[in-house]
Amino acid sequence: MNTIENLNKVELELLLKNLRFYKDVVKKLWDRWKKVYDHVFNWKNEYVVEYYGDLDKEYILNESKGIYKKVFNLEVNDLDIKLIKNEKIKWWMKIYLNDNLIDLSFLKFYNLLNK
């Protein structure tokens, strides 16, 4: 049986690396669970909009509020929407309601057209 006392330097470094990874994963999972729990059991919705960097924020807020109204039938205040700049989208935006995603990016439509 291998114990810590019997491990060499390379094995100890690998063990330490794995323990750090484990600690990081547990922390991220715990943080995510608290966030989901908070929204589900306190009846609060999380509104997140990821957008391409060149778009005007007022335009994004107006369009996203309209989409929230059409898709989810929700009236959303400007201050409740969390805006995140994301250069990987390549065009327009992605809209989230809690864990539900409406992908309105160019890449989605491009992929749908090229199937």
PDB file of N, CA and C in Angstrom:
ATOM      1  N   MET A   1       0.837  -1.183   0.000  1.00  0.00           N
ATOM      2  CA  MET A   1       0.000   0.000   0.000  1.00  0.00           C
ATOM      3  C   MET A   1       0.879   1.241   0.000  1.00  0.00           C
ATOM      4  N   ASN A   2       0.518   2.205  -0.883  1.00  0.00           N
ATOM      5  CA  ASN A   2       1.280   3.444  -0.985  1.00  0.00           C
ATOM      6  C   ASN A   2       0.752   4.470   0.018  1.00  0.00           C
ATOM      7  N   THR A   3       1.619   5.010   0.829  1.00  0.00           N
ATOM      8  CA  THR A   3       1.262   6.097   1.732  1.00  0.00           C
ATOM      9  C   THR A   3       2.051   7.324   1.309  1.00  0.00           C
ATOM     10  N   ILE A   4       1.716   8.434   1.883  1.00  0.00           N
ATOM     11  CA  ILE A   4       2.397   9.677   1.526  1.00  0.00           C
ATOM     12  C   ILE A   4       3.887   9.591   1.842  1.00  0.00           C
ATOM     13  N   GLU A   5       4.218   8.919   2.913  1.00  0.00           N
ATOM     14  CA  GLU A   5       5.625   8.791   3.289  1.00  0.00           C
ATOM     15  C   GLU A   5       6.442   8.024   2.255  1.00  0.00           C
ATOM     16  N   ASN A   6       5.799   7.148   1.505  1.00  0.00           N
ATOM     17  CA  ASN A   6       6.501   6.315   0.532  1.00  0.00           C
ATOM     18  C   ASN A   6       6.549   6.915  -0.876  1.00  0.00           C
ATOM     19  N   LEU A   7       5.927   8.061  -1.093  1.00  0.00           N
ATOM     20  CA  LEU A   7       5.904   8.655  -2.430  1.00  0.00           C
ATOM     21  C   LEU A   7       7.175   9.451  -2.685  1.00  0.00           C
ATOM     22  N   ASN A   8       7.612   9.413  -3.940  1.00  0.00           N
ATOM     23  CA  ASN A   8       8.786  10.224  -4.297  1.00  0.00           C
ATOM     24  C   ASN A   8       8.328  11.641  -4.662  1.00  0.00           C
ATOM     25  N   LYS A   9       9.268  12.491  -5.016  1.00  0.00           N
ATOM     26  CA  LYS A   9       8.974  13.902  -5.269  1.00  0.00           C
ATOM     27  C   LYS A   9       7.990  14.087  -6.431  1.00  0.00           C
ATOM     28  N   VAL A  10       8.169  13.355  -7.517  1.00  0.00           N
ATOM     29  CA  VAL A  10       7.293  13.474  -8.689  1.00  0.00           C
ATOM     30  C   VAL A  10       5.872  13.056  -8.332  1.00  0.00           C
ATOM     31  N   GLU A  11       5.733  11.978  -7.602  1.00  0.00           N
ATOM     32  CA  GLU A  11       4.402  11.502  -7.193  1.00  0.00           C
ATOM     33  C   GLU A  11       3.738  12.481  -6.228  1.00  0.00           C
ATOM     34  N   LEU A  12       4.516  13.076  -5.337  1.00  0.00           N
ATOM     35  CA  LEU A  12       3.967  14.071  -4.414  1.00  0.00           C
ATOM     36  C   LEU A  12       3.499  15.323  -5.161  1.00  0.00           C
ATOM     37  N   GLU A  13       4.261  15.749  -6.155  1.00  0.00           N
ATOM     38  CA  GLU A  13       3.854  16.912  -6.948  1.00  0.00           C
ATOM     39  C   GLU A  13       2.570  16.626  -7.723  1.00  0.00           C
ATOM     40  N   LEU A  14       2.459  15.422  -8.260  1.00  0.00           N
ATOM     41  CA  LEU A  14       1.239  15.028  -8.972  1.00  0.00           C
ATOM     42  C   LEU A  14       0.052  14.978  -8.014  1.00  0.00           C
ATOM     43  N   LEU A  15       0.265  14.450  -6.833  1.00  0.00           N
ATOM     44  CA  LEU A  15      -0.788  14.395  -5.823  1.00  0.00           C
ATOM     45  C   LEU A  15      -1.239  15.807  -5.443  1.00  0.00           C
ATOM     46  N   LEU A  16      -0.295  16.694  -5.229  1.00  0.00           N
ATOM     47  CA  LEU A  16      -0.620  18.076  -4.890  1.00  0.00           C
ATOM     48  C   LEU A  16      -1.396  18.744  -6.023  1.00  0.00           C
ATOM     49  N   LYS A  17      -0.996  18.518  -7.241  1.00  0.00           N
ATOM     50  CA  LYS A  17      -1.699  19.074  -8.396  1.00  0.00           C
ATOM     51  C   LYS A  17      -3.140  18.573  -8.448  1.00  0.00           C
ATOM     52  N   ASN A  18      -3.319  17.285  -8.227  1.00  0.00           N
ATOM     53  CA  ASN A  18      -4.662  16.694  -8.246  1.00  0.00           C
ATOM     54  C   ASN A  18      -5.524  17.214  -7.089  1.00  0.00           C
ATOM     55  N   LEU A  19      -4.934  17.411  -5.926  1.00  0.00           N
ATOM     56  CA  LEU A  19      -5.675  17.948  -4.789  1.00  0.00           C
ATOM     57  C   LEU A  19      -6.108  19.393  -5.040  1.00  0.00           C
ATOM     58  N   ARG A  20      -5.232  20.181  -5.660  1.00  0.00           N
ATOM     59  CA  ARG A  20      -5.599  21.552  -6.008  1.00  0.00           C
ATOM     60  C   ARG A  20      -6.734  21.577  -7.031  1.00  0.00           C
ATOM     61  N   PHE A  21      -6.658  20.689  -8.008  1.00  0.00           N
ATOM     62  CA  PHE A  21      -7.724  20.588  -9.006  1.00  0.00           C
ATOM     63  C   PHE A  21      -9.042  20.204  -8.341  1.00  0.00           C
ATOM     64  N   TYR A  22      -9.001  19.228  -7.448  1.00  0.00           N
ATOM     65  CA  TYR A  22     -10.195  18.784  -6.725  1.00  0.00           C
ATOM     66  C   TYR A  22     -10.794  19.939  -5.924  1.00  0.00           C
ATOM     67  N   LYS A  23      -9.953  20.686  -5.218  1.00  0.00           N
ATOM     68  CA  LYS A  23     -10.418  21.825  -4.421  1.00  0.00           C
ATOM     69  C   LYS A  23     -11.083  22.870  -5.310  1.00  0.00           C
ATOM     70  N   ASP A  24     -10.493  23.152  -6.457  1.00  0.00           N
ATOM     71  CA  ASP A  24     -11.042  24.127  -7.386  1.00  0.00           C
ATOM     72  C   ASP A  24     -12.405  23.690  -7.919  1.00  0.00           C
ATOM     73  N   VAL A  25     -12.513  22.416  -8.287  1.00  0.00           N
ATOM     74  CA  VAL A  25     -13.778  21.891  -8.818  1.00  0.00           C
ATOM     75  C   VAL A  25     -14.868  21.939  -7.754  1.00  0.00           C
ATOM     76  N   VAL A  26     -14.541  21.547  -6.540  1.00  0.00           N
ATOM     77  CA  VAL A  26     -15.528  21.557  -5.455  1.00  0.00           C
ATOM     78  C   VAL A  26     -16.001  22.984  -5.196  1.00  0.00           C
ATOM     79  N   LYS A  27     -15.092  23.932  -5.198  1.00  0.00           N
ATOM     80  CA  LYS A  27     -15.468  25.334  -4.969  1.00  0.00           C
ATOM     81  C   LYS A  27     -16.391  25.835  -6.075  1.00  0.00           C
ATOM     82  N   LYS A  28     -16.058  25.530  -7.323  1.00  0.00           N
ATOM     83  CA  LYS A  28     -16.894  25.989  -8.438  1.00  0.00           C
ATOM     84  C   LYS A  28     -18.269  25.339  -8.403  1.00  0.00           C
ATOM     85  N   LEU A  29     -18.320  24.045  -8.106  1.00  0.00           N
ATOM     86  CA  LEU A  29     -19.607  23.364  -8.017  1.00  0.00           C
ATOM     87  C   LEU A  29     -20.447  23.916  -6.875  1.00  0.00           C
ATOM     88  N   TRP A  30     -19.811  24.170  -5.743  1.00  0.00           N
ATOM     89  CA  TRP A  30     -20.530  24.724  -4.597  1.00  0.00           C
ATOM     90  C   TRP A  30     -21.072  26.113  -4.931  1.00  0.00           C
ATOM     91  N   ASP A  31     -20.269  26.945  -5.561  1.00  0.00           N
ATOM     92  CA  ASP A  31     -20.726  28.283  -5.938  1.00  0.00           C
ATOM     93  C   ASP A  31     -21.888  28.212  -6.917  1.00  0.00           C
ATOM     94  N   ARG A  32     -21.796  27.314  -7.887  1.00  0.00           N
ATOM     95  CA  ARG A  32     -22.873  27.159  -8.867  1.00  0.00           C
ATOM     96  C   ARG A  32     -24.145  26.648  -8.198  1.00  0.00           C
ATOM     97  N   TRP A  33     -24.003  25.694  -7.283  1.00  0.00           N
ATOM     98  CA  TRP A  33     -25.167  25.154  -6.603  1.00  0.00           C
ATOM     99  C   TRP A  33     -25.849  26.237  -5.785  1.00  0.00           C
ATOM    100  N   LYS A  34     -25.088  27.060  -5.075  1.00  0.00           N
ATOM    101  CA  LYS A  34     -25.679  28.145  -4.282  1.00  0.00           C
ATOM    102  C   LYS A  34     -26.421  29.124  -5.177  1.00  0.00           C
ATOM    103  N   LYS A  35     -25.857  29.412  -6.340  1.00  0.00           N
ATOM    104  CA  LYS A  35     -26.490  30.339  -7.272  1.00  0.00           C
ATOM    105  C   LYS A  35     -27.813  29.767  -7.787  1.00  0.00           C
ATOM    106  N   VAL A  36     -27.808  28.510  -8.193  1.00  0.00           N
ATOM    107  CA  VAL A  36     -29.035  27.867  -8.684  1.00  0.00           C
ATOM    108  C   VAL A  36     -30.065  27.789  -7.564  1.00  0.00           C
ATOM    109  N   TYR A  37     -29.635  27.397  -6.386  1.00  0.00           N
ATOM    110  CA  TYR A  37     -30.545  27.296  -5.238  1.00  0.00           C
ATOM    111  C   TYR A  37     -31.183  28.644  -4.937  1.00  0.00           C
ATOM    112  N   ASP A  38     -30.379  29.688  -4.945  1.00  0.00           N
ATOM    113  CA  ASP A  38     -30.875  31.025  -4.651  1.00  0.00           C
ATOM    114  C   ASP A  38     -31.960  31.439  -5.635  1.00  0.00           C
ATOM    115  N   HIS A  39     -31.742  31.180  -6.919  1.00  0.00           N
ATOM    116  CA  HIS A  39     -32.728  31.581  -7.928  1.00  0.00           C
ATOM    117  C   HIS A  39     -33.979  30.719  -7.900  1.00  0.00           C
ATOM    118  N   VAL A  40     -33.805  29.422  -7.699  1.00  0.00           N
ATOM    119  CA  VAL A  40     -34.960  28.519  -7.747  1.00  0.00           C
ATOM    120  C   VAL A  40     -35.838  28.672  -6.513  1.00  0.00           C
ATOM    121  N   PHE A  41     -35.242  28.714  -5.344  1.00  0.00           N
ATOM    122  CA  PHE A  41     -36.033  28.689  -4.126  1.00  0.00           C
ATOM    123  C   PHE A  41     -36.403  30.065  -3.594  1.00  0.00           C
ATOM    124  N   ASN A  42     -35.870  31.107  -4.166  1.00  0.00           N
ATOM    125  CA  ASN A  42     -36.270  32.455  -3.784  1.00  0.00           C
ATOM    126  C   ASN A  42     -37.090  33.126  -4.878  1.00  0.00           C
ATOM    127  N   TRP A  43     -37.450  32.390  -5.906  1.00  0.00           N
ATOM    128  CA  TRP A  43     -38.299  32.851  -6.980  1.00  0.00           C
ATOM    129  C   TRP A  43     -37.720  34.084  -7.677  1.00  0.00           C
ATOM    130  N   LYS A  44     -36.407  34.141  -7.813  1.00  0.00           N
ATOM    131  CA  LYS A  44     -35.765  35.237  -8.531  1.00  0.00           C
ATOM    132  C   LYS A  44     -35.221  34.699  -9.849  1.00  0.00           C
ATOM    133  N   ASN A  45     -35.424  35.437 -10.904  1.00  0.00           N
ATOM    134  CA  ASN A  45     -34.867  35.050 -12.196  1.00  0.00           C
ATOM    135  C   ASN A  45     -33.544  35.759 -12.429  1.00  0.00           C
ATOM    136  N   GLU A  46     -32.682  35.103 -13.162  1.00  0.00           N
ATOM    137  CA  GLU A  46     -31.413  35.692 -13.554  1.00  0.00           C
ATOM    138  C   GLU A  46     -31.480  35.976 -15.045  1.00  0.00           C
ATOM    139  N   TYR A  47     -31.251  37.223 -15.418  1.00  0.00           N
ATOM    140  CA  TYR A  47     -31.292  37.643 -16.809  1.00  0.00           C
ATOM    141  C   TYR A  47     -29.872  37.989 -17.243  1.00  0.00           C
ATOM    142  N   VAL A  48     -29.358  37.249 -18.203  1.00  0.00           N
ATOM    143  CA  VAL A  48     -28.002  37.478 -18.689  1.00  0.00           C
ATOM    144  C   VAL A  48     -28.049  37.604 -20.211  1.00  0.00           C
ATOM    145  N   VAL A  49     -27.343  38.605 -20.721  1.00  0.00           N
ATOM    146  CA  VAL A  49     -27.240  38.795 -22.164  1.00  0.00           C
ATOM    147  C   VAL A  49     -25.765  38.878 -22.517  1.00  0.00           C
ATOM    148  N   GLU A  50     -25.305  37.933 -23.340  1.00  0.00           N
ATOM    149  CA  GLU A  50     -23.950  37.993 -23.887  1.00  0.00           C
ATOM    150  C   GLU A  50     -24.064  38.625 -25.266  1.00  0.00           C
ATOM    151  N   TYR A  51     -23.205  39.582 -25.528  1.00  0.00           N
ATOM    152  CA  TYR A  51     -23.317  40.314 -26.786  1.00  0.00           C
ATOM    153  C   TYR A  51     -21.952  40.483 -27.433  1.00  0.00           C
ATOM    154  N   TYR A  52     -21.993  40.707 -28.732  1.00  0.00           N
ATOM    155  CA  TYR A  52     -20.787  41.005 -29.484  1.00  0.00           C
ATOM    156  C   TYR A  52     -20.341  42.416 -29.142  1.00  0.00           C
ATOM    157  N   GLY A  53     -19.063  42.636 -29.074  1.00  0.00           N
ATOM    158  CA  GLY A  53     -18.484  43.862 -28.553  1.00  0.00           C
ATOM    159  C   GLY A  53     -18.835  45.160 -29.227  1.00  0.00           C
ATOM    160  N   ASP A  54     -19.241  45.174 -30.486  1.00  0.00           N
ATOM    161  CA  ASP A  54     -19.476  46.425 -31.194  1.00  0.00           C
ATOM    162  C   ASP A  54     -20.898  46.963 -31.034  1.00  0.00           C
ATOM    163  N   LEU A  55     -21.748  46.254 -30.343  1.00  0.00           N
ATOM    164  CA  LEU A  55     -23.139  46.675 -30.227  1.00  0.00           C
ATOM    165  C   LEU A  55     -23.314  47.735 -29.138  1.00  0.00           C
ATOM    166  N   ASP A  56     -24.266  48.646 -29.366  1.00  0.00           N
ATOM    167  CA  ASP A  56     -24.608  49.684 -28.402  1.00  0.00           C
ATOM    168  C   ASP A  56     -25.409  49.061 -27.250  1.00  0.00           C
ATOM    169  N   LYS A  57     -25.086  49.428 -26.019  1.00  0.00           N
ATOM    170  CA  LYS A  57     -25.738  48.812 -24.858  1.00  0.00           C
ATOM    171  C   LYS A  57     -27.222  49.155 -24.775  1.00  0.00           C
ATOM    172  N   GLU A  58     -27.618  50.354 -25.165  1.00  0.00           N
ATOM    173  CA  GLU A  58     -29.038  50.710 -25.167  1.00  0.00           C
ATOM    174  C   GLU A  58     -29.804  49.842 -26.169  1.00  0.00           C
ATOM    175  N   TYR A  59     -29.213  49.622 -27.323  1.00  0.00           N
ATOM    176  CA  TYR A  59     -29.817  48.752 -28.337  1.00  0.00           C
ATOM    177  C   TYR A  59     -29.968  47.337 -27.795  1.00  0.00           C
ATOM    178  N   ILE A  60     -28.923  46.832 -27.144  1.00  0.00           N
ATOM    179  CA  ILE A  60     -28.956  45.475 -26.582  1.00  0.00           C
ATOM    180  C   ILE A  60     -30.058  45.360 -25.555  1.00  0.00           C
ATOM    181  N   LEU A  61     -30.152  46.338 -24.654  1.00  0.00           N
ATOM    182  CA  LEU A  61     -31.187  46.298 -23.611  1.00  0.00           C
ATOM    183  C   LEU A  61     -32.588  46.324 -24.215  1.00  0.00           C
ATOM    184  N   ASN A  62     -32.822  47.183 -25.190  1.00  0.00           N
ATOM    185  CA  ASN A  62     -34.149  47.264 -25.816  1.00  0.00           C
ATOM    186  C   ASN A  62     -34.507  45.973 -26.539  1.00  0.00           C
ATOM    187  N   GLU A  63     -33.572  45.442 -27.310  1.00  0.00           N
ATOM    188  CA  GLU A  63     -33.833  44.191 -28.044  1.00  0.00           C
ATOM    189  C   GLU A  63     -34.039  43.012 -27.089  1.00  0.00           C
ATOM    190  N   SER A  64     -33.198  42.914 -26.066  1.00  0.00           N
ATOM    191  CA  SER A  64     -33.311  41.777 -25.150  1.00  0.00           C
ATOM    192  C   SER A  64     -34.607  41.845 -24.345  1.00  0.00           C
ATOM    193  N   LYS A  65     -35.028  43.046 -23.945  1.00  0.00           N
ATOM    194  CA  LYS A  65     -36.308  43.167 -23.235  1.00  0.00           C
ATOM    195  C   LYS A  65     -37.461  42.730 -24.133  1.00  0.00           C
ATOM    196  N   GLY A  66     -37.389  43.080 -25.410  1.00  0.00           N
ATOM    197  CA  GLY A  66     -38.416  42.642 -26.355  1.00  0.00           C
ATOM    198  C   GLY A  66     -38.429  41.135 -26.525  1.00  0.00           C
ATOM    199  N   ILE A  67     -37.259  40.529 -26.557  1.00  0.00           N
ATOM    200  CA  ILE A  67     -37.178  39.068 -26.710  1.00  0.00           C
ATOM    201  C   ILE A  67     -37.663  38.370 -25.447  1.00  0.00           C
ATOM    202  N   TYR A  68     -37.299  38.889 -24.272  1.00  0.00           N
ATOM    203  CA  TYR A  68     -37.820  38.317 -23.022  1.00  0.00           C
ATOM    204  C   TYR A  68     -39.347  38.374 -23.005  1.00  0.00           C
ATOM    205  N   LYS A  69     -39.910  39.463 -23.514  1.00  0.00           N
ATOM    206  CA  LYS A  69     -41.362  39.611 -23.554  1.00  0.00           C
ATOM    207  C   LYS A  69     -41.987  38.615 -24.522  1.00  0.00           C
ATOM    208  N   LYS A  70     -41.407  38.478 -25.728  1.00  0.00           N
ATOM    209  CA  LYS A  70     -41.980  37.586 -26.735  1.00  0.00           C
ATOM    210  C   LYS A  70     -41.831  36.113 -26.373  1.00  0.00           C
ATOM    211  N   VAL A  71     -40.662  35.727 -25.885  1.00  0.00           N
ATOM    212  CA  VAL A  71     -40.377  34.309 -25.667  1.00  0.00           C
ATOM    213  C   VAL A  71     -40.866  33.830 -24.307  1.00  0.00           C
ATOM    214  N   PHE A  72     -40.591  34.613 -23.247  1.00  0.00           N
ATOM    215  CA  PHE A  72     -40.909  34.172 -21.896  1.00  0.00           C
ATOM    216  C   PHE A  72     -42.095  34.910 -21.282  1.00  0.00           C
ATOM    217  N   ASN A  73     -42.644  35.907 -21.996  1.00  0.00           N
ATOM    218  CA  ASN A  73     -43.749  36.724 -21.505  1.00  0.00           C
ATOM    219  C   ASN A  73     -43.395  37.397 -20.173  1.00  0.00           C
ATOM    220  N   LEU A  74     -42.199  38.000 -20.125  1.00  0.00           N
ATOM    221  CA  LEU A  74     -41.708  38.659 -18.916  1.00  0.00           C
ATOM    222  C   LEU A  74     -41.357  40.111 -19.202  1.00  0.00           C
ATOM    223  N   GLU A  75     -41.742  40.988 -18.287  1.00  0.00           N
ATOM    224  CA  GLU A  75     -41.310  42.381 -18.323  1.00  0.00           C
ATOM    225  C   GLU A  75     -40.038  42.476 -17.482  1.00  0.00           C
ATOM    226  N   VAL A  76     -38.944  42.928 -18.081  1.00  0.00           N
ATOM    227  CA  VAL A  76     -37.651  42.958 -17.401  1.00  0.00           C
ATOM    228  C   VAL A  76     -37.159  44.401 -17.325  1.00  0.00           C
ATOM    229  N   ASN A  77     -36.648  44.777 -16.164  1.00  0.00           N
ATOM    230  CA  ASN A  77     -36.047  46.103 -15.989  1.00  0.00           C
ATOM    231  C   ASN A  77     -34.620  46.101 -16.518  1.00  0.00           C
ATOM    232  N   ASP A  78     -34.165  47.273 -16.949  1.00  0.00           N
ATOM    233  CA  ASP A  78     -32.793  47.402 -17.451  1.00  0.00           C
ATOM    234  C   ASP A  78     -31.760  46.994 -16.406  1.00  0.00           C
ATOM    235  N   LEU A  79     -31.991  47.343 -15.161  1.00  0.00           N
ATOM    236  CA  LEU A  79     -31.028  47.070 -14.095  1.00  0.00           C
ATOM    237  C   LEU A  79     -30.942  45.589 -13.733  1.00  0.00           C
ATOM    238  N   ASP A  80     -31.967  44.814 -14.086  1.00  0.00           N
ATOM    239  CA  ASP A  80     -31.960  43.376 -13.773  1.00  0.00           C
ATOM    240  C   ASP A  80     -31.150  42.562 -14.776  1.00  0.00           C
ATOM    241  N   ILE A  81     -30.854  43.136 -15.929  1.00  0.00           N
ATOM    242  CA  ILE A  81     -30.151  42.411 -16.983  1.00  0.00           C
ATOM    243  C   ILE A  81     -28.647  42.567 -16.796  1.00  0.00           C
ATOM    244  N   LYS A  82     -27.967  41.445 -16.736  1.00  0.00           N
ATOM    245  CA  LYS A  82     -26.502  41.444 -16.636  1.00  0.00           C
ATOM    246  C   LYS A  82     -25.937  41.327 -18.056  1.00  0.00           C
ATOM    247  N   LEU A  83     -25.186  42.328 -18.482  1.00  0.00           N
ATOM    248  CA  LEU A  83     -24.596  42.350 -19.821  1.00  0.00           C
ATOM    249  C   LEU A  83     -23.162  41.838 -19.763  1.00  0.00           C
ATOM    250  N   ILE A  84     -22.837  40.913 -20.655  1.00  0.00           N
ATOM    251  CA  ILE A  84     -21.491  40.350 -20.728  1.00  0.00           C
ATOM    252  C   ILE A  84     -20.998  40.464 -22.165  1.00  0.00           C
ATOM    253  N   LYS A  85     -19.862  41.112 -22.331  1.00  0.00           N
ATOM    254  CA  LYS A  85     -19.261  41.233 -23.655  1.00  0.00           C
ATOM    255  C   LYS A  85     -18.547  39.927 -23.985  1.00  0.00           C
ATOM    256  N   ASN A  86     -18.845  39.356 -25.162  1.00  0.00           N
ATOM    257  CA  ASN A  86     -18.277  38.070 -25.554  1.00  0.00           C
ATOM    258  C   ASN A  86     -17.900  38.140 -27.035  1.00  0.00           C
ATOM    259  N   GLU A  87     -16.612  38.190 -27.313  1.00  0.00           N
ATOM    260  CA  GLU A  87     -16.130  38.306 -28.698  1.00  0.00           C
ATOM    261  C   GLU A  87     -16.269  36.999 -29.486  1.00  0.00           C
ATOM    262  N   LYS A  88     -16.511  35.889 -28.816  1.00  0.00           N
ATOM    263  CA  LYS A  88     -16.625  34.604 -29.499  1.00  0.00           C
ATOM    264  C   LYS A  88     -17.959  34.438 -30.215  1.00  0.00           C
ATOM    265  N   ILE A  89     -18.938  35.254 -29.882  1.00  0.00           N
ATOM    266  CA  ILE A  89     -20.266  35.125 -30.487  1.00  0.00           C
ATOM    267  C   ILE A  89     -20.234  35.456 -31.973  1.00  0.00           C
ATOM    268  N   LYS A  90     -19.445  36.422 -32.373  1.00  0.00           N
ATOM    269  CA  LYS A  90     -19.247  36.850 -33.762  1.00  0.00           C
ATOM    270  C   LYS A  90     -20.365  37.717 -34.321  1.00  0.00           C
ATOM    271  N   TRP A  91     -21.497  37.792 -33.648  1.00  0.00           N
ATOM    272  CA  TRP A  91     -22.563  38.663 -34.124  1.00  0.00           C
ATOM    273  C   TRP A  91     -23.712  38.608 -33.150  1.00  0.00           C
ATOM    274  N   TRP A  92     -24.356  39.624 -32.914  1.00  0.00           N
ATOM    275  CA  TRP A  92     -25.525  39.908 -32.118  1.00  0.00           C
ATOM    276  C   TRP A  92     -25.409  39.423 -30.694  1.00  0.00           C
ATOM    277  N   MET A  93     -26.278  38.502 -30.193  1.00  0.00           N
ATOM    278  CA  MET A  93     -26.265  38.192 -28.766  1.00  0.00           C
ATOM    279  C   MET A  93     -26.859  36.829 -28.435  1.00  0.00           C
ATOM    280  N   LYS A  94     -26.578  36.392 -27.200  1.00  0.00           N
ATOM    281  CA  LYS A  94     -27.195  35.212 -26.601  1.00  0.00           C
ATOM    282  C   LYS A  94     -27.944  35.690 -25.366  1.00  0.00           C
ATOM    283  N   ILE A  95     -29.155  35.208 -25.195  1.00  0.00           N
ATOM    284  CA  ILE A  95     -29.984  35.649 -24.082  1.00  0.00           C
ATOM    285  C   ILE A  95     -30.287  34.449 -23.193  1.00  0.00           C
ATOM    286  N   TYR A  96     -30.053  34.633 -21.898  1.00  0.00           N
ATOM    287  CA  TYR A  96     -30.288  33.578 -20.917  1.00  0.00           C
ATOM    288  C   TYR A  96     -31.359  34.012 -19.924  1.00  0.00           C
ATOM    289  N   LEU A  97     -32.233  33.087 -19.596  1.00  0.00           N
ATOM    290  CA  LEU A  97     -33.135  33.219 -18.458  1.00  0.00           C
ATOM    291  C   LEU A  97     -32.824  32.037 -17.564  1.00  0.00           C
ATOM    292  N   ASN A  98     -32.153  32.310 -16.458  1.00  0.00           N
ATOM    293  CA  ASN A  98     -31.625  31.267 -15.585  1.00  0.00           C
ATOM    294  C   ASN A  98     -30.716  30.358 -16.413  1.00  0.00           C
ATOM    295  N   ASP A  99     -31.070  29.108 -16.626  1.00  0.00           N
ATOM    296  CA  ASP A  99     -30.245  28.218 -17.435  1.00  0.00           C
ATOM    297  C   ASP A  99     -30.796  28.011 -18.842  1.00  0.00           C
ATOM    298  N   ASN A 100     -31.855  28.699 -19.192  1.00  0.00           N
ATOM    299  CA  ASN A 100     -32.437  28.593 -20.530  1.00  0.00           C
ATOM    300  C   ASN A 100     -31.740  29.579 -21.462  1.00  0.00           C
ATOM    301  N   LEU A 101     -31.349  29.090 -22.622  1.00  0.00           N
ATOM    302  CA  LEU A 101     -30.614  29.913 -23.587  1.00  0.00           C
ATOM    303  C   LEU A 101     -31.414  30.092 -24.862  1.00  0.00           C
ATOM    304  N   ILE A 102     -31.437  31.338 -25.336  1.00  0.00           N
ATOM    305  CA  ILE A 102     -31.925  31.634 -26.677  1.00  0.00           C
ATOM    306  C   ILE A 102     -30.711  32.116 -27.442  1.00  0.00           C
ATOM    307  N   ASP A 103     -30.207  31.311 -28.347  1.00  0.00           N
ATOM    308  CA  ASP A 103     -29.007  31.659 -29.096  1.00  0.00           C
ATOM    309  C   ASP A 103     -29.414  32.427 -30.348  1.00  0.00           C
ATOM    310  N   LEU A 104     -29.138  33.701 -30.348  1.00  0.00           N
ATOM    311  CA  LEU A 104     -29.482  34.561 -31.479  1.00  0.00           C
ATOM    312  C   LEU A 104     -28.244  34.996 -32.236  1.00  0.00           C
ATOM    313  N   SER A 105     -27.163  34.273 -32.053  1.00  0.00           N
ATOM    314  CA  SER A 105     -25.907  34.669 -32.680  1.00  0.00           C
ATOM    315  C   SER A 105     -25.878  34.250 -34.148  1.00  0.00           C
ATOM    316  N   PHE A 106     -25.036  34.907 -34.895  1.00  0.00           N
ATOM    317  CA  PHE A 106     -24.873  34.619 -36.313  1.00  0.00           C
ATOM    318  C   PHE A 106     -24.394  33.193 -36.531  1.00  0.00           C
ATOM    319  N   LEU A 107     -23.520  32.709 -35.655  1.00  0.00           N
ATOM    320  CA  LEU A 107     -22.946  31.381 -35.803  1.00  0.00           C
ATOM    321  C   LEU A 107     -24.024  30.293 -35.784  1.00  0.00           C
ATOM    322  N   LYS A 108     -25.043  30.451 -34.945  1.00  0.00           N
ATOM    323  CA  LYS A 108     -26.130  29.468 -34.900  1.00  0.00           C
ATOM    324  C   LYS A 108     -26.844  29.407 -36.249  1.00  0.00           C
ATOM    325  N   PHE A 109     -27.204  30.567 -36.791  1.00  0.00           N
ATOM    326  CA  PHE A 109     -27.924  30.588 -38.062  1.00  0.00           C
ATOM    327  C   PHE A 109     -27.039  30.117 -39.213  1.00  0.00           C
ATOM    328  N   TYR A 110     -25.772  30.467 -39.163  1.00  0.00           N
ATOM    329  CA  TYR A 110     -24.827  30.003 -40.165  1.00  0.00           C
ATOM    330  C   TYR A 110     -24.752  28.477 -40.170  1.00  0.00           C
ATOM    331  N   ASN A 111     -24.666  27.887 -38.983  1.00  0.00           N
ATOM    332  CA  ASN A 111     -24.604  26.428 -38.872  1.00  0.00           C
ATOM    333  C   ASN A 111     -25.900  25.775 -39.324  1.00  0.00           C
ATOM    334  N   LEU A 112     -27.033  26.402 -39.033  1.00  0.00           N
ATOM    335  CA  LEU A 112     -28.317  25.842 -39.464  1.00  0.00           C
ATOM    336  C   LEU A 112     -28.455  25.872 -40.993  1.00  0.00           C
ATOM    337  N   LEU A 113     -27.951  26.922 -41.615  1.00  0.00           N
ATOM    338  CA  LEU A 113     -28.056  27.050 -43.065  1.00  0.00           C
ATOM    339  C   LEU A 113     -27.109  26.110 -43.794  1.00  0.00           C
ATOM    340  N   ASN A 114     -26.007  25.734 -43.166  1.00  0.00           N
ATOM    341  CA  ASN A 114     -25.011  24.898 -43.826  1.00  0.00           C
ATOM    342  C   ASN A 114     -25.097  23.422 -43.454  1.00  0.00           C
ATOM    343  N   LYS A 115     -26.232  22.997 -42.952  1.00  0.00           N
ATOM    344  CA  LYS A 115     -26.401  21.563 -42.628  1.00  0.00           C
ATOM    345  C   LYS A 115     -26.733  20.788 -43.864  1.00  0.00           C
TER     346      LYS A 115
END
